[in-house]
Amino acid sequence: MEMIIVLGILVLVVGYVIYTYNRFISLRNRVENMWHQIRVQLQRRYDLIPNLVEVVKGYAKHERKTLEEVVEARNKAMSSRTVEETAQAERLLGQGLMNLWALVENYPDLKANQNFQSLQEELARTEDKIAYMRQAYNDSVMLYNESIQVFPNSVIAGMFGFKEMPYFNVESEKALKVPRVRF
């Protein structure tokens, strides 16, 4: 009788370990899939930027420095591999694009250009998709990280080498500050 109880407990423990291990794998795969989805949208954005720069270049020939900064930031973002590298590169690219939008304000003919408007709309849609995917990725990371941090899951995670995954945060310091409105 005692042997059956011990065997029953052992089966429950082994079953729990297997279930938890498989859950960690599933959650980790979900996070990795979300990261790949973000990369797809980022690539779409990277593909739009050279076209946008070319259209702006036709109108703002003497604003070469801003355009070069955007292209350089894009290239750096494209070559990033980790979540942390990508987040840092995306901050720089975001700042470069903000400078580009500020530059565009000085050229009303450019703002009225159909190619520019089309590219701007496509980029805005892509930015919305990136924001949505980033939120979904971070939600998946939170679920995964929580699942490996809680006891007794943390013991199993430690035994099998599951590590926390990083969040994808790209907000610049400027974005975190509340803008001042003056009249």
N, C-alpha and C. Protein backbone atom coordinates (compact mmCIF):
# COMPACT_ATOMS: atom_id res chain seq x y z
N MET A 1 0.82 -1.20 0.00
CA MET A 1 0.00 0.00 0.00
C MET A 1 0.87 1.26 0.00
N GLU A 2 1.89 1.28 0.85
CA GLU A 2 2.80 2.43 0.90
C GLU A 2 3.51 2.60 -0.43
N MET A 3 3.84 1.48 -1.05
CA MET A 3 4.53 1.53 -2.34
C MET A 3 3.63 2.18 -3.40
N ILE A 4 2.35 1.90 -3.37
CA ILE A 4 1.41 2.47 -4.32
C ILE A 4 1.29 3.99 -4.10
N ILE A 5 1.27 4.41 -2.85
CA ILE A 5 1.18 5.84 -2.53
C ILE A 5 2.44 6.56 -3.01
N VAL A 6 3.60 5.99 -2.72
CA VAL A 6 4.87 6.58 -3.14
C VAL A 6 4.93 6.62 -4.66
N LEU A 7 4.54 5.54 -5.31
CA LEU A 7 4.54 5.49 -6.76
C LEU A 7 3.56 6.51 -7.34
N GLY A 8 2.41 6.67 -6.73
CA GLY A 8 1.41 7.65 -7.16
C GLY A 8 1.94 9.07 -7.05
N ILE A 9 2.60 9.36 -5.93
CA ILE A 9 3.19 10.70 -5.74
C ILE A 9 4.29 10.95 -6.77
N LEU A 10 5.11 9.93 -7.00
CA LEU A 10 6.19 10.04 -7.98
C LEU A 10 5.63 10.30 -9.38
N VAL A 11 4.56 9.60 -9.75
CA VAL A 11 3.93 9.81 -11.05
C VAL A 11 3.37 11.23 -11.14
N LEU A 12 2.76 11.73 -10.07
CA LEU A 12 2.23 13.10 -10.07
C LEU A 12 3.36 14.12 -10.23
N VAL A 13 4.46 13.93 -9.52
CA VAL A 13 5.58 14.86 -9.60
C VAL A 13 6.18 14.85 -11.00
N VAL A 14 6.43 13.66 -11.55
CA VAL A 14 7.00 13.55 -12.89
C VAL A 14 6.02 14.15 -13.91
N GLY A 15 4.76 13.87 -13.75
CA GLY A 15 3.74 14.44 -14.65
C GLY A 15 3.73 15.96 -14.59
N TYR A 16 3.85 16.52 -13.38
CA TYR A 16 3.88 17.98 -13.23
C TYR A 16 5.13 18.57 -13.89
N VAL A 17 6.27 17.91 -13.72
CA VAL A 17 7.51 18.39 -14.32
C VAL A 17 7.38 18.38 -15.85
N ILE A 18 6.85 17.31 -16.40
CA ILE A 18 6.69 17.21 -17.85
C ILE A 18 5.72 18.29 -18.35
N TYR A 19 4.60 18.44 -17.68
CA TYR A 19 3.61 19.45 -18.06
C TYR A 19 4.24 20.85 -18.02
N THR A 20 4.94 21.17 -16.96
CA THR A 20 5.54 22.49 -16.78
C THR A 20 6.62 22.73 -17.82
N TYR A 21 7.46 21.73 -18.06
CA TYR A 21 8.51 21.86 -19.08
C TYR A 21 7.89 22.15 -20.44
N ASN A 22 6.88 21.40 -20.81
CA ASN A 22 6.21 21.61 -22.10
C ASN A 22 5.55 22.98 -22.18
N ARG A 23 5.01 23.45 -21.07
CA ARG A 23 4.41 24.79 -21.04
C ARG A 23 5.47 25.87 -21.26
N PHE A 24 6.63 25.70 -20.62
CA PHE A 24 7.73 26.65 -20.83
C PHE A 24 8.14 26.68 -22.30
N ILE A 25 8.25 25.52 -22.92
CA ILE A 25 8.62 25.44 -24.34
C ILE A 25 7.57 26.17 -25.18
N SER A 26 6.31 25.91 -24.91
CA SER A 26 5.22 26.55 -25.66
C SER A 26 5.26 28.07 -25.50
N LEU A 27 5.43 28.55 -24.28
CA LEU A 27 5.48 29.99 -24.04
C LEU A 27 6.71 30.63 -24.67
N ARG A 28 7.84 29.95 -24.58
CA ARG A 28 9.07 30.47 -25.20
C ARG A 28 8.90 30.55 -26.72
N ASN A 29 8.30 29.51 -27.31
CA ASN A 29 8.07 29.52 -28.76
C ASN A 29 7.12 30.65 -29.15
N ARG A 30 6.13 30.92 -28.33
CA ARG A 30 5.21 32.03 -28.60
C ARG A 30 5.96 33.37 -28.60
N VAL A 31 6.84 33.55 -27.63
CA VAL A 31 7.63 34.78 -27.56
C VAL A 31 8.52 34.90 -28.81
N GLU A 32 9.18 33.81 -29.18
CA GLU A 32 10.04 33.84 -30.36
C GLU A 32 9.24 34.11 -31.63
N ASN A 33 8.06 33.54 -31.74
CA ASN A 33 7.21 33.81 -32.89
C ASN A 33 6.81 35.28 -32.94
N MET A 34 6.45 35.84 -31.80
CA MET A 34 6.08 37.25 -31.77
C MET A 34 7.26 38.12 -32.18
N TRP A 35 8.46 37.74 -31.76
CA TRP A 35 9.65 38.51 -32.14
C TRP A 35 9.84 38.46 -33.66
N HIS A 36 9.63 37.30 -34.26
CA HIS A 36 9.75 37.19 -35.71
C HIS A 36 8.69 38.04 -36.42
N GLN A 37 7.50 38.11 -35.84
CA GLN A 37 6.45 38.95 -36.43
C GLN A 37 6.83 40.43 -36.36
N ILE A 38 7.45 40.82 -35.26
CA ILE A 38 7.93 42.21 -35.15
C ILE A 38 9.00 42.47 -36.22
N ARG A 39 9.91 41.53 -36.38
CA ARG A 39 10.97 41.71 -37.37
C ARG A 39 10.40 41.86 -38.79
N VAL A 40 9.32 41.15 -39.09
CA VAL A 40 8.67 41.28 -40.40
C VAL A 40 8.17 42.71 -40.59
N GLN A 41 7.51 43.24 -39.58
CA GLN A 41 6.98 44.61 -39.69
C GLN A 41 8.11 45.64 -39.71
N LEU A 42 9.15 45.40 -38.94
CA LEU A 42 10.30 46.31 -38.97
C LEU A 42 10.94 46.31 -40.35
N GLN A 43 11.06 45.14 -40.96
CA GLN A 43 11.64 45.06 -42.30
C GLN A 43 10.79 45.83 -43.30
N ARG A 44 9.49 45.72 -43.14
CA ARG A 44 8.57 46.48 -44.02
C ARG A 44 8.84 47.98 -43.86
N ARG A 45 9.03 48.40 -42.63
CA ARG A 45 9.33 49.81 -42.37
C ARG A 45 10.67 50.19 -42.98
N TYR A 46 11.68 49.33 -42.81
CA TYR A 46 13.00 49.61 -43.37
C TYR A 46 12.95 49.71 -44.88
N ASP A 47 12.08 48.94 -45.52
CA ASP A 47 11.94 48.99 -46.97
C ASP A 47 11.28 50.28 -47.44
N LEU A 48 10.41 50.86 -46.62
CA LEU A 48 9.73 52.11 -46.99
C LEU A 48 10.63 53.34 -46.84
N ILE A 49 11.53 53.30 -45.89
CA ILE A 49 12.32 54.50 -45.55
C ILE A 49 13.16 55.00 -46.72
N PRO A 50 13.88 54.15 -47.47
CA PRO A 50 14.67 54.70 -48.60
C PRO A 50 13.80 55.42 -49.63
N ASN A 51 12.60 54.90 -49.90
CA ASN A 51 11.70 55.57 -50.84
C ASN A 51 11.27 56.93 -50.30
N LEU A 52 10.97 56.97 -49.01
CA LEU A 52 10.59 58.23 -48.38
C LEU A 52 11.73 59.24 -48.46
N VAL A 53 12.93 58.78 -48.16
CA VAL A 53 14.11 59.66 -48.20
C VAL A 53 14.33 60.19 -49.61
N GLU A 54 14.15 59.35 -50.61
CA GLU A 54 14.33 59.78 -52.00
C GLU A 54 13.33 60.87 -52.38
N VAL A 55 12.09 60.70 -51.97
CA VAL A 55 11.07 61.73 -52.28
C VAL A 55 11.43 63.03 -51.59
N VAL A 56 11.82 62.96 -50.33
CA VAL A 56 12.18 64.17 -49.58
C VAL A 56 13.42 64.81 -50.20
N LYS A 57 14.37 63.99 -50.60
CA LYS A 57 15.62 64.49 -51.17
C LYS A 57 15.36 65.37 -52.40
N GLY A 58 14.35 65.02 -53.17
CA GLY A 58 14.02 65.82 -54.35
C GLY A 58 13.57 67.23 -54.01
N TYR A 59 13.01 67.42 -52.84
CA TYR A 59 12.50 68.73 -52.43
C TYR A 59 13.46 69.46 -51.50
N ALA A 60 14.20 68.71 -50.72
CA ALA A 60 15.03 69.31 -49.68
C ALA A 60 16.50 68.97 -49.92
N LYS A 61 17.03 69.42 -51.03
CA LYS A 61 18.39 69.05 -51.44
C LYS A 61 19.46 69.49 -50.43
N HIS A 62 19.25 70.61 -49.77
CA HIS A 62 20.27 71.12 -48.85
C HIS A 62 20.10 70.57 -47.43
N GLU A 63 19.21 69.65 -47.21
CA GLU A 63 18.99 69.05 -45.89
C GLU A 63 19.62 67.66 -45.82
N ARG A 64 20.75 67.52 -46.45
CA ARG A 64 21.42 66.22 -46.61
C ARG A 64 21.73 65.54 -45.27
N LYS A 65 22.14 66.30 -44.27
CA LYS A 65 22.55 65.71 -42.99
C LYS A 65 21.40 64.93 -42.34
N THR A 66 20.23 65.50 -42.30
CA THR A 66 19.08 64.82 -41.69
C THR A 66 18.76 63.54 -42.45
N LEU A 67 18.78 63.61 -43.77
CA LEU A 67 18.49 62.43 -44.59
C LEU A 67 19.52 61.34 -44.38
N GLU A 68 20.79 61.72 -44.31
CA GLU A 68 21.85 60.74 -44.08
C GLU A 68 21.71 60.09 -42.70
N GLU A 69 21.31 60.87 -41.70
CA GLU A 69 21.11 60.31 -40.36
C GLU A 69 20.00 59.27 -40.34
N VAL A 70 18.93 59.54 -41.08
CA VAL A 70 17.82 58.58 -41.15
C VAL A 70 18.28 57.29 -41.82
N VAL A 71 19.00 57.42 -42.92
CA VAL A 71 19.48 56.24 -43.64
C VAL A 71 20.46 55.45 -42.78
N GLU A 72 21.34 56.14 -42.09
CA GLU A 72 22.31 55.47 -41.22
C GLU A 72 21.60 54.75 -40.07
N ALA A 73 20.62 55.40 -39.47
CA ALA A 73 19.86 54.78 -38.38
C ALA A 73 19.10 53.56 -38.90
N ARG A 74 18.54 53.65 -40.09
CA ARG A 74 17.83 52.52 -40.70
C ARG A 74 18.78 51.35 -40.89
N ASN A 75 19.96 51.61 -41.44
CA ASN A 75 20.93 50.54 -41.68
C ASN A 75 21.37 49.88 -40.38
N LYS A 76 21.55 50.68 -39.36
CA LYS A 76 21.94 50.13 -38.06
C LYS A 76 20.81 49.26 -37.49
N ALA A 77 19.59 49.72 -37.63
CA ALA A 77 18.45 48.95 -37.14
C ALA A 77 18.31 47.64 -37.90
N MET A 78 18.55 47.68 -39.20
CA MET A 78 18.44 46.46 -40.01
C MET A 78 19.47 45.41 -39.60
N SER A 79 20.63 45.86 -39.16
CA SER A 79 21.69 44.90 -38.82
C SER A 79 21.61 44.43 -37.37
N SER A 80 20.71 44.98 -36.59
CA SER A 80 20.58 44.55 -35.19
C SER A 80 20.00 43.14 -35.14
N ARG A 81 20.37 42.38 -34.11
CA ARG A 81 19.91 41.00 -34.01
C ARG A 81 19.14 40.71 -32.73
N THR A 82 19.61 41.21 -31.62
CA THR A 82 18.95 40.90 -30.36
C THR A 82 17.85 41.92 -30.08
N VAL A 83 17.01 41.60 -29.14
CA VAL A 83 15.93 42.50 -28.75
C VAL A 83 16.53 43.82 -28.24
N GLU A 84 17.56 43.73 -27.42
CA GLU A 84 18.17 44.93 -26.86
C GLU A 84 18.80 45.80 -27.95
N GLU A 85 19.55 45.18 -28.88
CA GLU A 85 20.16 45.93 -29.98
C GLU A 85 19.09 46.60 -30.83
N THR A 86 18.04 45.85 -31.11
CA THR A 86 16.97 46.38 -31.95
C THR A 86 16.27 47.55 -31.26
N ALA A 87 16.01 47.41 -29.97
CA ALA A 87 15.35 48.50 -29.23
C ALA A 87 16.19 49.77 -29.28
N GLN A 88 17.50 49.64 -29.07
CA GLN A 88 18.38 50.80 -29.10
C GLN A 88 18.42 51.41 -30.51
N ALA A 89 18.53 50.57 -31.53
CA ALA A 89 18.57 51.06 -32.90
C ALA A 89 17.23 51.70 -33.29
N GLU A 90 16.14 51.15 -32.81
CA GLU A 90 14.82 51.71 -33.11
C GLU A 90 14.63 53.08 -32.45
N ARG A 91 15.22 53.27 -31.28
CA ARG A 91 15.17 54.59 -30.64
C ARG A 91 15.82 55.64 -31.56
N LEU A 92 17.01 55.29 -32.06
CA LEU A 92 17.73 56.21 -32.94
C LEU A 92 16.96 56.45 -34.23
N LEU A 93 16.40 55.40 -34.79
CA LEU A 93 15.62 55.55 -36.02
C LEU A 93 14.39 56.41 -35.77
N GLY A 94 13.73 56.19 -34.66
CA GLY A 94 12.56 57.01 -34.31
C GLY A 94 12.91 58.48 -34.20
N GLN A 95 14.05 58.77 -33.58
CA GLN A 95 14.49 60.17 -33.48
C GLN A 95 14.80 60.74 -34.85
N GLY A 96 15.43 59.93 -35.70
CA GLY A 96 15.73 60.37 -37.06
C GLY A 96 14.47 60.66 -37.85
N LEU A 97 13.46 59.79 -37.70
CA LEU A 97 12.20 60.02 -38.40
C LEU A 97 11.47 61.25 -37.87
N MET A 98 11.57 61.50 -36.56
CA MET A 98 10.97 62.72 -36.01
C MET A 98 11.63 63.95 -36.63
N ASN A 99 12.96 63.91 -36.78
CA ASN A 99 13.67 65.01 -37.42
C ASN A 99 13.25 65.17 -38.88
N LEU A 100 13.03 64.03 -39.55
CA LEU A 100 12.59 64.07 -40.94
C LEU A 100 11.20 64.70 -41.05
N TRP A 101 10.29 64.33 -40.15
CA TRP A 101 8.94 64.91 -40.18
C TRP A 101 9.01 66.42 -39.90
N ALA A 102 9.91 66.82 -39.00
CA ALA A 102 10.06 68.25 -38.72
C ALA A 102 10.58 68.98 -39.96
N LEU A 103 11.48 68.35 -40.66
CA LEU A 103 12.04 68.91 -41.89
C LEU A 103 10.94 69.07 -42.95
N VAL A 104 10.09 68.09 -43.07
CA VAL A 104 9.02 68.10 -44.07
C VAL A 104 8.08 69.28 -43.86
N GLU A 105 7.90 69.69 -42.61
CA GLU A 105 7.01 70.82 -42.31
C GLU A 105 7.44 72.10 -43.02
N ASN A 106 8.73 72.20 -43.36
CA ASN A 106 9.24 73.40 -44.04
C ASN A 106 8.99 73.38 -45.54
N TYR A 107 8.41 72.30 -46.07
CA TYR A 107 8.23 72.16 -47.51
C TYR A 107 6.78 71.81 -47.83
N PRO A 108 5.92 72.81 -47.97
CA PRO A 108 4.50 72.56 -48.24
C PRO A 108 4.26 71.79 -49.54
N ASP A 109 5.10 72.04 -50.56
CA ASP A 109 4.95 71.32 -51.83
C ASP A 109 5.21 69.83 -51.63
N LEU A 110 6.16 69.51 -50.79
CA LEU A 110 6.48 68.11 -50.50
C LEU A 110 5.31 67.44 -49.78
N LYS A 111 4.74 68.16 -48.80
CA LYS A 111 3.61 67.59 -48.06
C LYS A 111 2.42 67.32 -48.98
N ALA A 112 2.31 68.07 -50.07
CA ALA A 112 1.20 67.91 -51.01
C ALA A 112 1.50 66.85 -52.08
N ASN A 113 2.75 66.41 -52.17
CA ASN A 113 3.16 65.43 -53.18
C ASN A 113 2.46 64.09 -52.93
N GLN A 114 1.85 63.54 -53.99
CA GLN A 114 1.09 62.29 -53.86
C GLN A 114 1.96 61.11 -53.43
N ASN A 115 3.17 61.01 -54.00
CA ASN A 115 4.07 59.92 -53.61
C ASN A 115 4.43 60.03 -52.13
N PHE A 116 4.71 61.24 -51.69
CA PHE A 116 5.05 61.43 -50.28
C PHE A 116 3.88 61.07 -49.39
N GLN A 117 2.69 61.53 -49.74
CA GLN A 117 1.50 61.22 -48.93
C GLN A 117 1.25 59.72 -48.86
N SER A 118 1.41 59.05 -49.97
CA SER A 118 1.21 57.60 -50.01
C SER A 118 2.23 56.88 -49.12
N LEU A 119 3.49 57.27 -49.24
CA LEU A 119 4.54 56.66 -48.41
C LEU A 119 4.31 56.97 -46.93
N GLN A 120 3.90 58.19 -46.64
CA GLN A 120 3.65 58.58 -45.26
C GLN A 120 2.50 57.75 -44.66
N GLU A 121 1.44 57.54 -45.44
CA GLU A 121 0.32 56.73 -44.96
C GLU A 121 0.73 55.29 -44.74
N GLU A 122 1.50 54.75 -45.67
CA GLU A 122 1.96 53.36 -45.56
C GLU A 122 2.87 53.19 -44.34
N LEU A 123 3.73 54.16 -44.13
CA LEU A 123 4.61 54.12 -42.97
C LEU A 123 3.80 54.23 -41.67
N ALA A 124 2.78 55.07 -41.66
CA ALA A 124 1.93 55.21 -40.47
C ALA A 124 1.22 53.89 -40.16
N ARG A 125 0.71 53.22 -41.20
CA ARG A 125 0.05 51.92 -40.99
C ARG A 125 1.05 50.90 -40.44
N THR A 126 2.25 50.92 -40.99
CA THR A 126 3.28 50.00 -40.53
C THR A 126 3.66 50.29 -39.08
N GLU A 127 3.77 51.57 -38.73
CA GLU A 127 4.08 51.95 -37.35
C GLU A 127 3.00 51.43 -36.39
N ASP A 128 1.74 51.51 -36.81
CA ASP A 128 0.65 50.99 -35.99
C ASP A 128 0.78 49.48 -35.79
N LYS A 129 1.14 48.78 -36.86
CA LYS A 129 1.33 47.33 -36.76
C LYS A 129 2.49 47.00 -35.83
N ILE A 130 3.56 47.76 -35.93
CA ILE A 130 4.72 47.54 -35.07
C ILE A 130 4.34 47.75 -33.61
N ALA A 131 3.60 48.81 -33.33
CA ALA A 131 3.18 49.09 -31.96
C ALA A 131 2.31 47.95 -31.42
N TYR A 132 1.39 47.46 -32.25
CA TYR A 132 0.53 46.36 -31.83
C TYR A 132 1.36 45.10 -31.59
N MET A 133 2.27 44.79 -32.50
CA MET A 133 3.11 43.59 -32.36
C MET A 133 4.03 43.71 -31.14
N ARG A 134 4.53 44.91 -30.89
CA ARG A 134 5.40 45.11 -29.73
C ARG A 134 4.62 44.85 -28.45
N GLN A 135 3.38 45.32 -28.39
CA GLN A 135 2.55 45.08 -27.21
C GLN A 135 2.27 43.59 -27.05
N ALA A 136 1.95 42.91 -28.14
CA ALA A 136 1.68 41.47 -28.07
C ALA A 136 2.93 40.71 -27.67
N TYR A 137 4.08 41.12 -28.19
CA TYR A 137 5.35 40.48 -27.81
C TYR A 137 5.61 40.67 -26.32
N ASN A 138 5.48 41.90 -25.85
CA ASN A 138 5.73 42.17 -24.43
C ASN A 138 4.75 41.42 -23.53
N ASP A 139 3.50 41.27 -23.97
CA ASP A 139 2.53 40.46 -23.21
C ASP A 139 2.98 39.00 -23.14
N SER A 140 3.49 38.48 -24.25
CA SER A 140 3.98 37.10 -24.27
C SER A 140 5.20 36.94 -23.38
N VAL A 141 6.08 37.93 -23.42
CA VAL A 141 7.27 37.89 -22.56
C VAL A 141 6.86 37.91 -21.09
N MET A 142 5.88 38.76 -20.75
CA MET A 142 5.42 38.83 -19.37
C MET A 142 4.88 37.48 -18.91
N LEU A 143 4.05 36.84 -19.73
CA LEU A 143 3.48 35.54 -19.39
C LEU A 143 4.57 34.49 -19.21
N TYR A 144 5.52 34.47 -20.14
CA TYR A 144 6.63 33.53 -20.05
C TYR A 144 7.47 33.78 -18.81
N ASN A 145 7.88 35.04 -18.60
CA ASN A 145 8.72 35.36 -17.44
C ASN A 145 8.01 35.04 -16.13
N GLU A 146 6.73 35.38 -16.04
CA GLU A 146 5.99 35.05 -14.82
C GLU A 146 5.94 33.55 -14.59
N SER A 147 5.75 32.80 -15.65
CA SER A 147 5.62 31.35 -15.48
C SER A 147 6.91 30.71 -15.00
N ILE A 148 8.06 31.26 -15.35
CA ILE A 148 9.32 30.66 -14.88
C ILE A 148 9.79 31.24 -13.55
N GLN A 149 9.13 32.30 -13.08
CA GLN A 149 9.54 32.92 -11.82
C GLN A 149 8.80 32.38 -10.61
N VAL A 150 7.58 31.89 -10.80
CA VAL A 150 6.77 31.47 -9.66
C VAL A 150 7.20 30.10 -9.17
N PHE A 151 7.05 29.89 -7.89
CA PHE A 151 7.38 28.61 -7.27
C PHE A 151 6.20 27.67 -7.42
N PRO A 152 6.37 26.45 -7.72
CA PRO A 152 7.59 25.64 -7.90
C PRO A 152 8.13 25.65 -9.32
N ASN A 153 7.49 26.39 -10.22
CA ASN A 153 7.96 26.44 -11.61
C ASN A 153 9.40 26.93 -11.69
N SER A 154 9.79 27.84 -10.82
CA SER A 154 11.14 28.39 -10.86
C SER A 154 12.19 27.30 -10.65
N VAL A 155 11.86 26.29 -9.86
CA VAL A 155 12.79 25.16 -9.64
C VAL A 155 12.96 24.39 -10.95
N ILE A 156 11.86 24.12 -11.60
CA ILE A 156 11.90 23.37 -12.86
C ILE A 156 12.60 24.21 -13.94
N ALA A 157 12.31 25.49 -13.99
CA ALA A 157 12.95 26.38 -14.97
C ALA A 157 14.46 26.39 -14.75
N GLY A 158 14.88 26.45 -13.50
CA GLY A 158 16.31 26.43 -13.18
C GLY A 158 16.96 25.11 -13.58
N MET A 159 16.26 24.00 -13.34
CA MET A 159 16.80 22.68 -13.69
C MET A 159 17.05 22.55 -15.20
N PHE A 160 16.17 23.14 -15.99
CA PHE A 160 16.26 22.98 -17.44
C PHE A 160 16.83 24.21 -18.16
N GLY A 161 17.27 25.20 -17.41
CA GLY A 161 17.96 26.35 -18.00
C GLY A 161 17.08 27.37 -18.70
N PHE A 162 15.82 27.48 -18.31
CA PHE A 162 14.96 28.51 -18.90
C PHE A 162 15.32 29.84 -18.26
N LYS A 163 15.57 30.84 -19.11
CA LYS A 163 15.96 32.18 -18.65
C LYS A 163 14.89 33.19 -19.03
N GLU A 164 14.85 34.28 -18.28
CA GLU A 164 13.91 35.36 -18.60
C GLU A 164 14.25 35.93 -19.97
N MET A 165 13.22 36.42 -20.64
CA MET A 165 13.39 37.05 -21.94
C MET A 165 13.18 38.56 -21.78
N PRO A 166 13.88 39.35 -22.61
CA PRO A 166 13.78 40.81 -22.47
C PRO A 166 12.53 41.38 -23.13
N TYR A 167 12.05 42.46 -22.56
CA TYR A 167 10.95 43.21 -23.16
C TYR A 167 11.50 44.06 -24.31
N PHE A 168 10.63 44.44 -25.22
CA PHE A 168 11.02 45.28 -26.35
C PHE A 168 10.45 46.67 -26.11
N ASN A 169 11.28 47.53 -25.53
CA ASN A 169 10.89 48.91 -25.22
C ASN A 169 11.72 49.85 -26.05
N VAL A 170 11.07 50.69 -26.84
CA VAL A 170 11.81 51.60 -27.72
C VAL A 170 11.49 53.07 -27.47
N GLU A 171 10.71 53.37 -26.46
CA GLU A 171 10.36 54.76 -26.22
C GLU A 171 11.62 55.56 -25.93
N SER A 172 11.72 56.68 -26.59
CA SER A 172 12.86 57.56 -26.35
C SER A 172 12.57 58.40 -25.12
N GLU A 173 13.61 59.06 -24.62
CA GLU A 173 13.41 59.93 -23.47
C GLU A 173 12.44 61.05 -23.80
N LYS A 174 12.48 61.52 -25.04
CA LYS A 174 11.56 62.59 -25.47
C LYS A 174 10.12 62.11 -25.40
N ALA A 175 9.89 60.84 -25.77
CA ALA A 175 8.52 60.32 -25.77
C ALA A 175 7.98 60.17 -24.35
N LEU A 176 8.87 60.01 -23.39
CA LEU A 176 8.43 59.83 -22.01
C LEU A 176 8.10 61.14 -21.32
N LYS A 177 8.58 62.25 -21.89
CA LYS A 177 8.33 63.56 -21.30
C LYS A 177 6.98 64.10 -21.80
N VAL A 178 6.26 64.72 -20.94
CA VAL A 178 4.98 65.32 -21.32
C VAL A 178 5.29 66.62 -22.05
N PRO A 179 4.72 66.78 -23.26
CA PRO A 179 4.99 68.01 -24.01
C PRO A 179 4.34 69.23 -23.34
N ARG A 180 5.01 70.36 -23.43
CA ARG A 180 4.47 71.60 -22.87
C ARG A 180 3.75 72.35 -23.97
N VAL A 181 2.58 72.83 -23.65
CA VAL A 181 1.79 73.61 -24.58
C VAL A 181 1.79 75.04 -24.08
N ARG A 182 2.17 75.97 -24.96
CA ARG A 182 2.22 77.38 -24.57
C ARG A 182 1.33 78.17 -25.52
N PHE A 183 0.63 79.13 -24.97
CA PHE A 183 -0.22 80.00 -25.77
C PHE A 183 0.29 81.41 -25.73
